[in-house]
Amino acid sequence: MAPRAHLAIYKVCTLEGCLVSDILVAMDTAVSDGVDVLSISIGGDPTPFFQDGLAVGAFGAIEHGVFVSCAAGNSGPFASSLSNEAPWILTVAASTMDRRIISTVQLGNGLSFDGESLNQAQSFASGSYPLVYAGASGNTDAAFCGNTSFDGFDVRGKIVLCERGGDIGRIDKGVNVQTAGGFGMILMNQVADGFSTLADPHVLPASHVSYSDGLMIKTYIRYSTLNATASFSFKGTEIGTTPAPAITSFSSRGPSIASPGILKPDITGPGVSVLAAWPSLASSNSSQVIFNMISGTSMSTPHLSGIAALIKAAHPDWSPAAIKSAMMTTADIMDRSGKPIVDERHLPANLFAVGAGHVNPVKASDPGLVYDLKPDDYIPYLCGLGYNSTQVSVILNRRIDCSSVKTITEGELNYPSFSVAFIDGKTSITFERTVKNVGEAESTFYVKVDVPGGVYVTVQPNELRFAKTNEEMKFKVTFNKSNNISDTVRYSQGYLNWISGKHTVRSPISVAF
């Protein structure tokens, strides 16, 4: 993502896991070494920031002007499953590219389904093979193709339909099928995975298909009057697939647990079937594999980190918060076909999945306006979270007395997104924000609000006139709850846009009722 950038890589994990002490030492060393960006594809369970070693280390980094980008996690699509929630961290979700590596399944009844597999299996005996469903064996959890799924169940020379999940790796399922003598594997999604498929390096002819396609294959097996059969054909890489980008099922979701008043994740980037460097010692065969297809927010995070490095090179005086704002307020909310970005169900992705949108590197280098923050600006926010002085002091690594701090609510932090919660009987909420002009000296921006359902929104002033670069201006946004909102509605969303002749500075708005 950042050609000719210097990479400094610090080992913090072993086969036993990643110790917080090792992570902190590595982060401190990186800062001392003079890095500009920290890319961290590690995460854990949600926890208060003063107990979150990565959040503590990241705060120390931003105090030295170092941008920190972290993976949101791979525990989606379930609500409040994300990691790395601190507002001084860029929390990165994962989405697809417009590329699939196609492995087609053709059933004996003539139906065909395009799935995915990195292993294109050019040297296999083509033709139709008997097709069986692993779950038909009757063994416990047999549908997930574990290493005991085929006890007493003959799959030799057959294609086996396996289900995703069961705490068994996707590639391991194929290994188990192969060990049992199976010819090939069709891997079907669970309902939560929807249409999200992955191009994995399977050890045998295989195809990873969607949940709906898997159900049709399962139905064919169950009701076939003759013995069910299937065959594979491998079509290689297909470019220009739709919808793209789309949020993948594994990408962890908000709302944040540690700080519900900050909208997370922040942004999304390419994280599915990414061609990435691969240690040869991790290969299951004797070949020296140096690249592999890998999926996860661990892959999307380096994309955003690289873009942050490019922005830092173009604007060396920008703070980490300014760089984050630039990426978030210029992110795309439409896919390549001009339609709203969708999730694994092919339904419009909500803000807890997509954040501000899919990163747009070109626009991010020239955002027009930024929402900036200095490290000390987080102190009133942290004290306002209800942390005591000792806990805040742990995060800042210096003594803080919250009793002498004028606290703010989460929503009052000068963040490039808005999270509004009508709780405790509140019907009107006002937030103040400050934006800095980083574009042309004489610029005028007009407000346009894509109003969330169930609220009325007022912005004052509705026009910002800047006379010079780096000038700052304040505005207030008031959200009034509608009396007509249904009791069944929990969330709605919209956007606040500052628009000039050249720029659109967009901030997502999440409203909770």
Protein backbone atom coordinates (compact mmCIF):
# COMPACT_ATOMS: atom_id res chain seq x y z
CA MET A 1 0.00 0.00 0.00
CA ALA A 2 2.91 2.35 0.64
CA PRO A 3 5.67 1.70 -1.91
CA ARG A 4 9.23 2.12 -0.62
CA ALA A 5 8.04 2.54 2.96
CA HIS A 6 10.49 1.26 5.55
CA LEU A 7 9.06 -1.69 7.46
CA ALA A 8 10.03 -2.37 11.06
CA ILE A 9 8.56 -5.66 12.27
CA TYR A 10 8.40 -6.69 15.92
CA LYS A 11 7.62 -10.24 17.04
CA VAL A 12 5.12 -10.32 19.91
CA CYS A 13 3.45 -13.72 19.50
CA THR A 14 4.49 -17.35 19.85
CA LEU A 15 2.60 -20.59 19.32
CA GLU A 16 1.31 -20.14 22.88
CA GLY A 17 -0.22 -16.72 22.18
CA CYS A 18 0.59 -13.02 22.49
CA LEU A 19 1.62 -11.68 25.89
CA VAL A 20 0.50 -8.14 26.72
CA SER A 21 3.97 -7.42 28.09
CA ASP A 22 5.54 -8.37 24.75
CA ILE A 23 3.05 -6.23 22.86
CA LEU A 24 3.76 -3.19 25.04
CA VAL A 25 7.53 -3.61 24.76
CA ALA A 26 7.22 -3.86 20.98
CA MET A 27 5.02 -0.76 20.76
CA ASP A 28 7.36 1.25 22.97
CA THR A 29 10.36 0.08 20.96
CA ALA A 30 8.68 0.97 17.69
CA VAL A 31 7.91 4.48 18.94
CA SER A 32 11.49 4.83 20.15
CA ASP A 33 12.73 3.65 16.76
CA GLY A 34 10.83 6.50 15.10
CA VAL A 35 8.03 4.74 13.24
CA ASP A 36 5.15 6.84 11.90
CA VAL A 37 2.46 4.14 11.84
CA LEU A 38 1.76 1.09 13.98
CA SER A 39 -0.23 -1.68 12.27
CA ILE A 40 -1.53 -4.20 14.79
CA SER A 41 -3.47 -7.26 13.67
CA ILE A 42 -4.11 -8.52 17.20
CA GLY A 43 -7.18 -8.26 19.39
CA GLY A 44 -8.94 -9.65 22.42
CA ASP A 45 -12.25 -9.52 24.21
CA PRO A 46 -13.80 -6.11 24.94
CA THR A 47 -12.43 -4.68 28.16
CA PRO A 48 -12.18 -1.28 29.90
CA PHE A 49 -9.37 0.75 28.40
CA PHE A 50 -7.31 0.83 31.59
CA GLN A 51 -7.23 -3.00 31.49
CA ASP A 52 -6.53 -3.11 27.75
CA GLY A 53 -2.77 -3.26 27.22
CA LEU A 54 -3.07 -2.48 23.54
CA ALA A 55 -5.19 0.62 24.23
CA VAL A 56 -2.66 1.78 26.82
CA GLY A 57 0.24 1.22 24.44
CA ALA A 58 -1.60 2.94 21.62
CA PHE A 59 -2.20 6.02 23.74
CA GLY A 60 1.50 6.26 24.41
CA ALA A 61 2.08 6.01 20.67
CA ILE A 62 -0.29 8.81 19.69
CA GLU A 63 1.32 11.04 22.32
CA HIS A 64 4.43 10.75 20.17
CA GLY A 65 2.51 11.42 16.95
CA VAL A 66 2.38 7.76 15.87
CA PHE A 67 -0.78 6.61 14.09
CA VAL A 68 -2.23 3.30 15.35
CA SER A 69 -4.38 1.04 13.18
CA CYS A 70 -5.88 -2.15 14.69
CA ALA A 71 -8.04 -5.06 13.57
CA ALA A 72 -11.69 -5.00 14.62
CA GLY A 73 -11.64 -8.79 14.98
CA ASN A 74 -13.07 -11.84 13.24
CA SER A 75 -16.00 -12.66 15.53
CA GLY A 76 -18.79 -11.34 13.31
CA PRO A 77 -21.48 -11.03 12.32
CA PHE A 78 -22.60 -10.88 15.93
CA ALA A 79 -23.32 -7.57 17.67
CA SER A 80 -20.74 -6.02 20.02
CA SER A 81 -18.08 -8.54 19.03
CA LEU A 82 -15.29 -6.14 18.10
CA SER A 83 -11.87 -5.53 19.65
CA ASN A 84 -9.68 -2.44 19.88
CA GLU A 85 -12.46 0.05 20.65
CA ALA A 86 -10.46 3.01 21.97
CA PRO A 87 -11.17 6.24 20.06
CA TRP A 88 -7.46 7.00 19.62
CA ILE A 89 -7.18 3.75 17.58
CA LEU A 90 -8.42 3.31 14.00
CA THR A 91 -10.62 0.20 14.28
CA VAL A 92 -10.70 -1.60 10.93
CA ALA A 93 -13.43 -3.91 9.60
CA ALA A 94 -13.04 -6.25 6.61
CA SER A 95 -14.73 -6.23 3.23
CA THR A 96 -14.40 -8.01 -0.10
CA MET A 97 -12.73 -7.04 -3.35
CA ASP A 98 -14.26 -7.38 -6.81
CA ARG A 99 -12.32 -10.61 -7.35
CA ARG A 100 -13.23 -14.25 -6.81
CA ILE A 101 -11.33 -17.46 -7.59
CA ILE A 102 -14.10 -19.62 -8.97
CA SER A 103 -14.71 -23.29 -8.32
CA THR A 104 -18.01 -24.42 -9.83
CA VAL A 105 -20.09 -27.31 -8.55
CA GLN A 106 -22.34 -29.06 -11.06
CA LEU A 107 -24.97 -31.42 -9.69
CA GLY A 108 -26.34 -34.48 -11.39
CA ASN A 109 -29.67 -32.70 -11.88
CA GLY A 110 -28.02 -29.98 -13.98
CA LEU A 111 -27.90 -27.23 -11.36
CA SER A 112 -24.56 -25.46 -10.94
CA PHE A 113 -23.19 -23.16 -8.26
CA ASP A 114 -20.15 -20.89 -8.33
CA GLY A 115 -18.11 -21.22 -5.17
CA GLU A 116 -14.49 -20.43 -4.37
CA SER A 117 -11.21 -22.28 -3.90
CA LEU A 118 -7.61 -21.21 -4.29
CA ASN A 119 -6.71 -24.79 -5.20
CA GLN A 120 -7.77 -24.93 -8.83
CA ALA A 121 -6.83 -28.64 -9.03
CA GLN A 122 -5.77 -28.84 -12.67
CA SER A 123 -4.45 -32.41 -12.38
CA PHE A 124 -7.44 -34.32 -11.04
CA ALA A 125 -9.62 -36.96 -12.66
CA SER A 126 -12.56 -34.95 -13.93
CA GLY A 127 -16.07 -36.31 -14.14
CA SER A 128 -18.97 -36.93 -11.81
CA TYR A 129 -18.52 -38.48 -8.40
CA PRO A 130 -20.98 -39.75 -5.81
CA LEU A 131 -22.11 -36.91 -3.53
CA VAL A 132 -22.87 -37.40 0.16
CA TYR A 133 -23.71 -35.15 3.11
CA ALA A 134 -21.37 -35.58 6.08
CA GLY A 135 -24.22 -35.08 8.54
CA ALA A 136 -25.92 -38.21 7.23
CA SER A 137 -23.42 -40.35 9.13
CA GLY A 138 -25.31 -39.76 12.37
CA ASN A 139 -22.10 -39.12 14.30
CA THR A 140 -22.08 -36.18 16.72
CA ASP A 141 -21.28 -32.94 14.89
CA ALA A 142 -20.56 -35.00 11.79
CA ALA A 143 -21.84 -32.24 9.51
CA PHE A 144 -18.75 -30.17 10.38
CA CYS A 145 -16.38 -32.85 9.03
CA GLY A 146 -14.28 -33.35 12.12
CA ASN A 147 -11.70 -36.10 12.32
CA THR A 148 -14.28 -38.56 13.69
CA SER A 149 -17.15 -37.56 11.40
CA PHE A 150 -16.58 -40.48 9.04
CA ASP A 151 -16.28 -43.32 11.53
CA GLY A 152 -18.41 -46.07 10.02
CA PHE A 153 -19.38 -43.81 7.10
CA ASP A 154 -17.81 -44.60 3.74
CA VAL A 155 -16.75 -41.49 1.80
CA ARG A 156 -14.06 -43.13 -0.31
CA GLY A 157 -14.02 -41.74 -3.84
CA LYS A 158 -16.91 -39.37 -3.06
CA ILE A 159 -17.52 -35.64 -2.87
CA VAL A 160 -18.55 -34.71 0.68
CA LEU A 161 -20.79 -31.79 1.62
CA CYS A 162 -19.43 -30.27 4.85
CA GLU A 163 -20.85 -27.42 6.91
CA ARG A 164 -18.78 -24.43 8.01
CA GLY A 165 -18.18 -24.04 11.74
CA GLY A 166 -17.99 -26.47 14.62
CA ASP A 167 -14.62 -25.02 15.72
CA ILE A 168 -12.95 -26.89 12.86
CA GLY A 169 -10.87 -24.93 10.36
CA ARG A 170 -12.09 -24.76 6.78
CA ILE A 171 -8.92 -26.33 5.40
CA ASP A 172 -8.86 -28.92 8.20
CA LYS A 173 -12.27 -30.14 7.07
CA GLY A 174 -10.83 -30.94 3.66
CA VAL A 175 -7.86 -32.69 5.28
CA ASN A 176 -10.29 -34.89 7.22
CA VAL A 177 -12.25 -35.70 4.08
CA GLN A 178 -9.05 -36.57 2.25
CA THR A 179 -7.78 -38.71 5.13
CA ALA A 180 -11.05 -40.67 5.05
CA GLY A 181 -10.54 -41.34 1.34
CA GLY A 182 -12.90 -38.68 -0.01
CA PHE A 183 -12.29 -37.23 -3.46
CA GLY A 184 -13.52 -33.68 -2.92
CA MET A 185 -15.39 -31.34 -0.60
CA ILE A 186 -18.19 -28.82 -0.93
CA LEU A 187 -18.08 -26.43 2.03
CA MET A 188 -21.40 -24.73 2.73
CA ASN A 189 -21.94 -21.65 4.91
CA GLN A 190 -24.05 -21.41 8.03
CA VAL A 191 -26.99 -19.01 7.93
CA ALA A 192 -24.93 -16.33 9.72
CA ASP A 193 -22.27 -16.48 7.00
CA GLY A 194 -24.76 -15.80 4.23
CA PHE A 195 -23.06 -15.16 0.89
CA SER A 196 -19.53 -14.69 2.31
CA THR A 197 -17.16 -17.24 0.76
CA LEU A 198 -13.37 -17.51 0.81
CA ALA A 199 -10.69 -18.73 -1.59
CA ASP A 200 -8.75 -21.10 0.66
CA PRO A 201 -5.81 -23.33 -0.35
CA HIS A 202 -7.69 -26.61 0.09
CA VAL A 203 -5.79 -29.88 -0.06
CA LEU A 204 -8.28 -31.52 -2.43
CA PRO A 205 -10.76 -30.42 -5.10
CA ALA A 206 -13.20 -28.19 -3.25
CA SER A 207 -15.70 -25.36 -3.51
CA HIS A 208 -16.87 -22.99 -0.77
CA VAL A 209 -20.50 -22.04 -1.48
CA SER A 210 -23.03 -19.72 0.11
CA TYR A 211 -25.64 -20.78 2.65
CA SER A 212 -28.50 -20.64 0.14
CA ASP A 213 -26.55 -22.66 -2.43
CA GLY A 214 -25.60 -25.15 0.26
CA LEU A 215 -29.24 -25.66 1.18
CA MET A 216 -30.11 -26.44 -2.43
CA ILE A 217 -27.23 -28.94 -2.64
CA LYS A 218 -28.35 -30.55 0.62
CA THR A 219 -31.93 -30.78 -0.69
CA TYR A 220 -30.71 -32.42 -3.90
CA ILE A 221 -28.84 -35.06 -1.88
CA ARG A 222 -31.81 -35.72 0.39
CA TYR A 223 -34.44 -36.08 -2.31
CA SER A 224 -32.43 -37.50 -5.18
CA THR A 225 -34.28 -40.52 -6.59
CA LEU A 226 -31.00 -41.87 -7.92
CA ASN A 227 -27.61 -41.69 -6.30
CA ALA A 228 -26.63 -38.02 -6.04
CA THR A 229 -23.57 -36.98 -8.04
CA ALA A 230 -21.52 -33.83 -8.54
CA SER A 231 -18.48 -32.59 -10.43
CA PHE A 232 -16.07 -29.67 -10.19
CA SER A 233 -14.85 -27.24 -12.81
CA PHE A 234 -12.27 -24.59 -12.03
CA LYS A 235 -12.52 -21.23 -13.78
CA GLY A 236 -9.65 -19.32 -12.20
CA THR A 237 -9.76 -15.66 -11.22
CA GLU A 238 -12.82 -13.60 -12.08
CA ILE A 239 -12.47 -9.82 -11.92
CA GLY A 240 -15.36 -7.37 -11.63
CA THR A 241 -17.56 -9.51 -9.40
CA THR A 242 -20.50 -7.90 -7.62
CA PRO A 243 -21.45 -6.76 -5.10
CA ALA A 244 -18.09 -5.28 -4.12
CA PRO A 245 -16.96 -4.15 -1.72
CA ALA A 246 -19.22 -6.00 0.70
CA ILE A 247 -18.80 -6.56 4.42
CA THR A 248 -17.82 -10.16 5.06
CA SER A 249 -19.53 -12.30 7.67
CA PHE A 250 -16.53 -12.74 9.97
CA SER A 251 -15.88 -9.00 10.37
CA SER A 252 -16.65 -8.07 13.99
CA ARG A 253 -19.48 -5.64 14.67
CA GLY A 254 -20.36 -2.81 17.00
CA PRO A 255 -21.79 -1.26 19.02
CA SER A 256 -18.80 -0.84 21.27
CA ILE A 257 -19.03 -2.28 24.76
CA ALA A 258 -16.16 -0.29 26.29
CA SER A 259 -17.49 3.02 24.97
CA PRO A 260 -20.98 2.77 23.43
CA GLY A 261 -21.03 6.51 22.68
CA ILE A 262 -18.23 6.15 20.11
CA LEU A 263 -19.29 4.56 16.83
CA LYS A 264 -17.12 1.55 16.00
CA PRO A 265 -15.71 0.12 13.80
CA ASP A 266 -14.31 3.26 12.21
CA ILE A 267 -13.84 2.11 8.63
CA THR A 268 -13.46 -0.94 6.41
CA GLY A 269 -10.90 -2.10 3.87
CA PRO A 270 -9.98 -5.16 1.76
CA GLY A 271 -9.72 -8.21 4.01
CA VAL A 272 -11.00 -11.20 2.04
CA SER A 273 -8.79 -13.57 0.02
CA VAL A 274 -5.83 -11.21 0.17
CA LEU A 275 -2.60 -12.37 -1.49
CA ALA A 276 -0.14 -12.03 1.36
CA ALA A 277 3.34 -13.10 2.41
CA TRP A 278 3.43 -16.52 4.05
CA PRO A 279 6.13 -18.16 6.19
CA SER A 280 7.30 -21.39 4.54
CA LEU A 281 7.43 -23.11 7.94
CA ALA A 282 3.64 -22.74 8.12
CA SER A 283 3.13 -24.76 4.92
CA SER A 284 1.69 -28.25 5.30
CA ASN A 285 3.84 -29.65 2.51
CA SER A 286 7.49 -29.57 1.54
CA SER A 287 7.14 -26.80 -1.05
CA GLN A 288 8.53 -23.40 -0.18
CA VAL A 289 5.32 -21.37 -0.31
CA ILE A 290 6.03 -17.65 0.17
CA PHE A 291 2.56 -16.27 -0.65
CA ASN A 292 -0.91 -17.39 0.34
CA MET A 293 -4.52 -16.24 0.26
CA ILE A 294 -5.44 -15.03 3.74
CA SER A 295 -8.69 -13.53 5.03
CA GLY A 296 -9.38 -11.52 8.17
CA THR A 297 -9.38 -8.05 9.65
CA SER A 298 -5.68 -8.83 10.09
CA MET A 299 -5.49 -8.31 6.33
CA SER A 300 -7.64 -5.19 6.08
CA THR A 301 -5.72 -3.45 8.86
CA PRO A 302 -2.38 -3.28 6.95
CA HIS A 303 -4.22 -1.77 3.98
CA LEU A 304 -5.40 1.10 6.18
CA SER A 305 -1.98 1.36 7.83
CA GLY A 306 -0.34 1.75 4.44
CA ILE A 307 -2.80 4.45 3.44
CA ALA A 308 -2.09 6.24 6.74
CA ALA A 309 1.61 6.15 5.86
CA LEU A 310 0.91 7.71 2.46
CA ILE A 311 -1.14 10.48 4.09
CA LYS A 312 1.58 11.05 6.67
CA ALA A 313 4.14 11.37 3.87
CA ALA A 314 1.95 13.91 2.08
CA HIS A 315 1.07 15.80 5.29
CA PRO A 316 3.89 15.24 7.82
CA ASP A 317 2.44 17.83 10.22
CA TRP A 318 -0.92 16.08 10.57
CA SER A 319 -1.78 14.42 13.90
CA PRO A 320 -2.95 10.79 14.14
CA ALA A 321 -6.50 12.08 14.74
CA ALA A 322 -6.35 14.25 11.60
CA ILE A 323 -5.19 11.28 9.50
CA LYS A 324 -8.00 9.15 10.92
CA SER A 325 -10.54 11.87 10.20
CA ALA A 326 -9.28 12.22 6.63
CA MET A 327 -9.84 8.53 5.95
CA MET A 328 -13.21 8.32 7.68
CA THR A 329 -14.82 11.46 6.22
CA THR A 330 -13.85 10.53 2.64
CA ALA A 331 -14.77 6.83 2.82
CA ASP A 332 -17.12 5.39 0.20
CA ILE A 333 -20.61 4.38 1.29
CA MET A 334 -21.55 3.09 -2.18
CA ASP A 335 -20.09 0.05 -3.89
CA ARG A 336 -18.52 -0.07 -7.35
CA SER A 337 -21.94 -0.28 -9.00
CA GLY A 338 -23.23 2.80 -7.18
CA LYS A 339 -25.41 0.91 -4.73
CA PRO A 340 -25.14 0.95 -0.91
CA ILE A 341 -22.42 -1.31 0.45
CA VAL A 342 -24.02 -4.58 1.58
CA ASP A 343 -23.25 -7.14 4.27
CA GLU A 344 -22.99 -10.93 4.14
CA ARG A 345 -26.76 -11.16 3.59
CA HIS A 346 -26.54 -8.82 0.59
CA LEU A 347 -28.58 -6.29 2.57
CA PRO A 348 -27.38 -2.70 3.13
CA ALA A 349 -24.66 -2.85 5.77
CA ASN A 350 -25.37 -0.88 8.93
CA LEU A 351 -22.86 1.45 10.55
CA PHE A 352 -21.93 -1.16 13.16
CA ALA A 353 -20.59 -3.27 10.30
CA VAL A 354 -19.14 -0.75 7.85
CA GLY A 355 -18.28 2.23 10.06
CA ALA A 356 -17.75 5.38 8.01
CA GLY A 357 -17.47 3.29 4.84
CA HIS A 358 -14.85 1.69 2.61
CA VAL A 359 -11.54 3.54 2.48
CA ASN A 360 -10.89 5.74 -0.55
CA PRO A 361 -7.12 6.41 -0.61
CA VAL A 362 -7.21 9.14 -3.25
CA LYS A 363 -9.88 11.21 -1.51
CA ALA A 364 -8.29 10.66 1.91
CA SER A 365 -5.18 12.58 0.89
CA ASP A 366 -7.30 15.72 0.30
CA PRO A 367 -10.25 15.67 2.72
CA GLY A 368 -10.98 19.42 2.86
CA LEU A 369 -11.76 19.44 6.58
CA VAL A 370 -10.57 17.33 9.50
CA TYR A 371 -11.83 16.71 13.02
CA ASP A 372 -8.63 16.98 15.03
CA LEU A 373 -7.79 15.88 18.56
CA LYS A 374 -4.75 16.30 20.77
CA PRO A 375 -3.83 13.51 23.25
CA ASP A 376 -4.95 15.61 26.25
CA ASP A 377 -8.38 16.08 24.64
CA TYR A 378 -9.12 12.49 25.62
CA ILE A 379 -8.72 13.18 29.35
CA PRO A 380 -12.18 14.80 29.89
CA TYR A 381 -13.66 11.94 27.86
CA LEU A 382 -11.93 9.25 29.94
CA CYS A 383 -12.90 10.87 33.24
CA GLY A 384 -16.42 11.23 31.84
CA LEU A 385 -16.57 7.47 31.19
CA GLY A 386 -16.61 7.02 34.97
CA TYR A 387 -13.01 5.91 35.28
CA ASN A 388 -11.34 7.10 38.47
CA SER A 389 -8.09 9.04 38.59
CA THR A 390 -5.98 5.92 39.09
CA GLN A 391 -7.53 4.19 36.10
CA VAL A 392 -7.08 7.20 33.81
CA SER A 393 -3.51 7.57 35.05
CA VAL A 394 -2.82 3.99 33.95
CA ILE A 395 -3.90 4.84 30.39
CA LEU A 396 -1.90 8.07 30.22
CA ASN A 397 1.11 6.75 32.13
CA ARG A 398 1.12 9.91 34.22
CA ARG A 399 -0.83 11.19 37.20
CA ILE A 400 -4.30 12.57 36.43
CA ASP A 401 -6.79 13.98 38.92
CA CYS A 402 -10.27 13.57 37.47
CA SER A 403 -11.79 15.72 40.24
CA SER A 404 -10.10 18.74 38.68
CA VAL A 405 -11.16 17.87 35.12
CA LYS A 406 -14.27 19.24 33.44
CA THR A 407 -15.63 16.01 32.04
CA ILE A 408 -17.43 15.49 28.74
CA THR A 409 -19.74 12.76 27.49
CA GLU A 410 -18.59 10.35 24.80
CA GLY A 411 -20.60 12.21 22.17
CA GLU A 412 -18.83 15.48 22.95
CA LEU A 413 -15.43 14.14 21.90
CA ASN A 414 -14.38 15.82 18.66
CA TYR A 415 -14.80 12.58 16.72
CA PRO A 416 -15.55 12.32 12.97
CA SER A 417 -18.73 10.33 13.62
CA PHE A 418 -21.82 10.79 15.79
CA SER A 419 -23.36 8.25 18.14
CA VAL A 420 -26.64 9.48 19.63
CA ALA A 421 -28.49 7.61 22.37
CA PHE A 422 -31.93 8.67 23.61
CA ILE A 423 -31.73 7.04 27.03
CA ASP A 424 -32.90 8.03 30.50
CA GLY A 425 -35.84 9.90 29.04
CA LYS A 426 -33.76 12.22 26.87
CA THR A 427 -35.55 13.69 23.87
CA SER A 428 -33.00 16.31 22.75
CA ILE A 429 -29.20 16.00 22.49
CA THR A 430 -26.71 18.60 21.27
CA PHE A 431 -23.10 17.97 20.29
CA GLU A 432 -20.45 20.53 19.41
CA ARG A 433 -17.70 19.79 16.91
CA THR A 434 -14.64 21.66 15.64
CA VAL A 435 -13.34 21.25 12.09
CA LYS A 436 -10.06 22.48 10.66
CA ASN A 437 -9.69 23.65 7.08
CA VAL A 438 -6.84 21.69 5.47
CA GLY A 439 -7.82 22.62 1.91
CA GLU A 440 -7.88 25.89 0.01
CA ALA A 441 -7.43 29.07 2.01
CA GLU A 442 -10.78 30.60 1.06
CA SER A 443 -13.36 27.83 1.29
CA THR A 444 -17.07 27.70 2.02
CA PHE A 445 -18.84 24.55 3.16
CA TYR A 446 -22.61 24.06 3.34
CA VAL A 447 -24.25 21.45 5.51
CA LYS A 448 -26.44 18.68 4.16
CA VAL A 449 -27.92 16.10 6.52
CA ASP A 450 -29.14 12.68 5.47
CA VAL A 451 -31.51 12.57 8.43
CA PRO A 452 -31.77 9.32 10.42
CA GLY A 453 -35.25 7.97 10.94
CA GLY A 454 -37.02 9.01 14.11
CA VAL A 455 -35.16 12.28 14.70
CA TYR A 456 -35.08 15.90 13.61
CA VAL A 457 -31.63 17.39 13.08
CA THR A 458 -30.57 21.04 13.29
CA VAL A 459 -27.05 22.29 12.52
CA GLN A 460 -25.86 25.75 13.57
CA PRO A 461 -24.36 27.42 11.69
CA ASN A 462 -25.34 25.71 8.46
CA GLU A 463 -22.49 27.36 6.55
CA LEU A 464 -18.77 27.50 7.34
CA ARG A 465 -16.64 30.19 5.65
CA PHE A 466 -12.88 29.76 6.02
CA ALA A 467 -10.48 32.58 5.21
CA LYS A 468 -7.23 30.61 5.56
CA THR A 469 -5.74 27.16 5.74
CA ASN A 470 -5.62 25.54 9.22
CA GLU A 471 -8.38 27.85 10.45
CA GLU A 472 -10.77 26.13 12.84
CA MET A 473 -14.53 26.66 13.15
CA LYS A 474 -17.12 25.20 15.50
CA PHE A 475 -20.65 24.02 14.84
CA LYS A 476 -23.43 22.47 16.90
CA VAL A 477 -25.71 19.60 15.97
CA THR A 478 -28.99 19.10 17.80
CA PHE A 479 -30.91 15.83 17.58
CA ASN A 480 -34.57 15.90 18.64
CA LYS A 481 -36.43 12.65 19.04
CA SER A 482 -39.60 12.31 17.00
CA ASN A 483 -42.84 11.48 18.79
CA ASN A 484 -43.75 9.14 15.94
CA ILE A 485 -40.90 6.66 16.37
CA SER A 486 -42.10 3.08 16.77
CA ASP A 487 -41.29 1.24 19.98
CA THR A 488 -39.86 -1.59 17.88
CA VAL A 489 -37.15 0.61 16.33
CA ARG A 490 -33.80 0.28 18.13
CA TYR A 491 -31.44 2.05 15.74
CA SER A 492 -31.46 4.38 12.78
CA GLN A 493 -28.64 5.95 10.82
CA GLY A 494 -27.77 8.83 8.54
CA TYR A 495 -24.95 11.21 7.61
CA LEU A 496 -23.88 14.77 8.20
CA ASN A 497 -22.13 16.25 5.17
CA TRP A 498 -20.14 19.45 4.81
CA ILE A 499 -20.03 20.18 1.08
CA SER A 500 -17.94 22.66 -0.89
CA GLY A 501 -17.35 22.93 -4.60
CA LYS A 502 -14.54 20.38 -4.30
CA HIS A 503 -15.06 18.31 -1.16
CA THR A 504 -17.69 16.29 0.64
CA VAL A 505 -16.79 15.75 4.31
CA ARG A 506 -19.11 13.00 5.51
CA SER A 507 -19.70 11.85 9.09
CA PRO A 508 -21.91 8.85 9.91
CA ILE A 509 -24.69 9.28 12.47
CA SER A 510 -25.91 6.34 14.54
CA VAL A 511 -29.04 6.85 16.65
CA ALA A 512 -30.13 4.46 19.41
CA PHE A 513 -33.61 4.57 20.93
